[in-house]
Amino acid sequence: MQVELRVRGVPEVPDVTEDVPVEVMGENRFRVLLSPGMVEGLAAGDEFEVIDEKSREFRVLKRGGNFCVWYFFPEEEMNRGSEYKLLRERIAEIGGRLDGGGSTTLIFTVPAASGFDRIADFFDEAVLLVKGASWQFSNAYDPILRVPLPWWSREVKG
């Protein structure tokens, strides 16, 4: 099953949504199966509820203990070449997995238990593989305020 959620941070196009693969946990309550590629604030394993059917807004109820990481290529279809294969293989070394991607992106899920710095170091090195590539955590910072979310510091330390 998929749930349509609003993509935040696109004020000029307020109706941008993404269909996120989920498991139904109850009425308006879902668990994310694959980390999303545009919806910030969620990763595989997180449980959330839709709080407004019309606007597609949601609230995270329980964290699954994973980071969602977006890796951006500078040109379309570059994410299907040798770098794609290498990243897919190497992410497993730190406990992560490739969940998908768009025409210029790859979407990864990595357990917070792998360590924030270790994950950041991995992706800092990974962008050196492709000139013009970049990456970001999609659920480590508040998508509006851009301040760290408290869930991951507890996961990493505890």
Protein backbone atom coordinates (compact mmCIF):
# COMPACT_ATOMS: atom_id res chain seq x y z
CA MET A 1 0.00 0.00 0.00
CA GLN A 2 1.06 3.59 -0.52
CA VAL A 3 0.07 6.82 1.23
CA GLU A 4 0.24 10.16 -0.54
CA LEU A 5 2.13 12.71 1.60
CA ARG A 6 2.87 16.38 1.08
CA VAL A 7 6.43 17.37 0.20
CA ARG A 8 7.42 20.29 2.42
CA GLY A 9 9.82 23.02 1.46
CA VAL A 10 8.40 23.65 -2.01
CA PRO A 11 6.39 26.85 -1.35
CA GLU A 12 6.13 27.80 -5.01
CA VAL A 13 4.43 24.44 -5.75
CA PRO A 14 2.30 23.69 -2.67
CA ASP A 15 0.61 20.59 -4.11
CA VAL A 16 3.74 18.44 -4.56
CA THR A 17 3.18 15.00 -3.05
CA GLU A 18 4.91 11.62 -2.96
CA ASP A 19 3.40 8.16 -2.68
CA VAL A 20 5.23 6.50 0.21
CA PRO A 21 5.16 2.68 0.55
CA VAL A 22 3.68 1.77 3.92
CA GLU A 23 2.29 -0.97 6.12
CA VAL A 24 -1.05 -0.16 7.76
CA MET A 25 -0.75 -0.10 11.56
CA GLY A 26 -4.24 1.19 12.38
CA GLU A 27 -6.69 3.90 11.42
CA ASN A 28 -4.61 6.64 9.73
CA ARG A 29 -1.47 5.06 11.24
CA PHE A 30 1.27 3.65 9.03
CA ARG A 31 4.85 2.29 9.05
CA VAL A 32 7.20 3.41 6.27
CA LEU A 33 8.56 0.44 4.29
CA LEU A 34 11.05 2.26 2.03
CA SER A 35 12.59 5.64 2.77
CA PRO A 36 10.95 8.38 0.69
CA GLY A 37 12.74 10.35 -1.99
CA MET A 38 11.10 13.75 -1.52
CA VAL A 39 9.20 13.77 1.78
CA GLU A 40 11.49 15.07 4.51
CA GLY A 41 11.32 13.84 8.07
CA LEU A 42 10.66 10.14 7.44
CA ALA A 43 12.74 6.98 6.99
CA ALA A 44 11.97 3.31 6.65
CA GLY A 45 10.63 1.91 9.92
CA ASP A 46 9.08 5.17 11.14
CA GLU A 47 5.45 5.14 12.21
CA PHE A 48 3.29 8.14 11.43
CA GLU A 49 -0.29 9.29 11.21
CA VAL A 50 -1.95 11.43 8.58
CA ILE A 51 -3.29 14.42 10.48
CA ASP A 52 -4.99 16.18 7.57
CA GLU A 53 -6.37 14.20 4.64
CA LYS A 54 -6.76 17.27 2.45
CA SER A 55 -3.27 18.75 2.88
CA ARG A 56 -1.58 15.31 3.22
CA GLU A 57 0.20 16.50 6.38
CA PHE A 58 1.54 13.88 8.79
CA ARG A 59 2.97 13.53 12.29
CA VAL A 60 5.70 11.06 13.25
CA LEU A 61 4.55 8.87 16.13
CA LYS A 62 7.53 6.55 16.52
CA ARG A 63 10.99 6.51 14.97
CA GLY A 64 12.28 3.32 13.41
CA GLY A 65 15.91 4.15 14.22
CA ASN A 66 16.99 4.78 10.64
CA PHE A 67 18.35 7.69 8.68
CA CYS A 68 17.12 8.43 5.20
CA VAL A 69 19.96 9.77 3.05
CA TRP A 70 19.53 11.36 -0.37
CA TYR A 71 22.46 11.23 -2.79
CA PHE A 72 22.21 13.69 -5.70
CA PHE A 73 23.90 13.29 -9.09
CA PRO A 74 24.55 16.39 -11.23
CA GLU A 75 22.94 14.93 -14.37
CA GLU A 76 20.01 12.65 -15.17
CA GLU A 77 20.61 8.91 -15.42
CA MET A 78 24.09 9.10 -13.83
CA ASN A 79 22.57 7.18 -10.94
CA ARG A 80 22.43 4.00 -13.02
CA GLY A 81 26.14 3.64 -13.84
CA SER A 82 29.13 2.10 -12.10
CA GLU A 83 28.88 4.55 -9.16
CA TYR A 84 25.37 3.28 -8.47
CA LYS A 85 26.63 -0.31 -8.25
CA LEU A 86 29.55 0.66 -6.04
CA LEU A 87 27.39 2.70 -3.64
CA ARG A 88 24.78 -0.06 -3.47
CA GLU A 89 27.45 -2.57 -2.48
CA ARG A 90 29.42 -0.34 -0.10
CA ILE A 91 26.41 0.97 1.85
CA ALA A 92 25.87 -2.57 3.15
CA GLU A 93 29.27 -2.35 4.87
CA ILE A 94 27.79 0.18 7.31
CA GLY A 95 24.47 -1.63 7.64
CA GLY A 96 22.57 0.42 5.07
CA ARG A 97 20.56 -0.38 1.99
CA LEU A 98 19.51 1.28 -1.23
CA ASP A 99 15.75 1.93 -1.27
CA GLY A 100 15.36 3.51 -4.70
CA GLY A 101 15.90 6.74 -6.55
CA GLY A 102 14.73 9.18 -9.17
CA SER A 103 16.38 10.34 -12.37
CA THR A 104 19.19 12.12 -10.49
CA THR A 105 19.00 10.62 -6.99
CA LEU A 106 19.57 7.52 -4.92
CA ILE A 107 17.71 6.97 -1.63
CA PHE A 108 19.39 5.08 1.20
CA THR A 109 18.25 3.80 4.57
CA VAL A 110 21.00 3.48 7.20
CA PRO A 111 20.53 2.50 10.86
CA ALA A 112 21.34 5.31 13.28
CA ALA A 113 23.23 2.66 15.26
CA SER A 114 25.85 2.79 12.48
CA GLY A 115 26.81 6.18 13.91
CA PHE A 116 26.04 9.67 12.65
CA ASP A 117 29.69 10.53 11.96
CA ARG A 118 30.38 7.20 10.26
CA ILE A 119 27.38 7.70 7.95
CA ALA A 120 28.37 11.30 7.21
CA ASP A 121 31.96 10.23 6.49
CA PHE A 122 30.71 7.51 4.13
CA PHE A 123 28.65 9.96 2.09
CA ASP A 124 31.31 12.68 2.20
CA GLU A 125 33.63 10.15 0.54
CA ALA A 126 30.88 8.96 -1.81
CA VAL A 127 30.38 12.41 -3.33
CA LEU A 128 34.03 12.40 -4.32
CA LEU A 129 33.20 9.59 -6.76
CA VAL A 130 31.13 11.92 -8.96
CA LYS A 131 32.08 15.51 -9.71
CA GLY A 132 29.18 17.75 -8.72
CA ALA A 133 27.43 15.13 -6.53
CA SER A 134 25.99 16.03 -3.13
CA TRP A 135 24.06 14.37 -0.32
CA GLN A 136 21.87 15.15 2.67
CA PHE A 137 20.13 13.49 5.58
CA SER A 138 16.40 13.85 5.00
CA ASN A 139 15.24 13.07 8.52
CA ALA A 140 18.00 14.35 10.81
CA TYR A 141 16.92 17.99 10.75
CA ASP A 142 13.59 19.76 11.02
CA PRO A 143 12.53 20.45 7.42
CA ILE A 144 11.31 23.95 8.24
CA LEU A 145 13.53 25.18 11.09
CA ARG A 146 16.64 23.27 9.90
CA VAL A 147 17.65 22.37 13.46
CA PRO A 148 18.67 18.84 14.50
CA LEU A 149 15.83 16.53 15.43
CA PRO A 150 16.37 15.04 18.89
CA TRP A 151 15.52 11.42 17.98
CA TRP A 152 18.83 10.51 16.38
CA SER A 153 21.12 11.76 19.14
CA ARG A 154 19.27 9.42 21.53
CA GLU A 155 19.54 6.53 19.03
CA VAL A 156 23.24 7.03 18.39
CA LYS A 157 24.16 7.40 22.08
CA GLY A 158 21.81 4.90 23.48
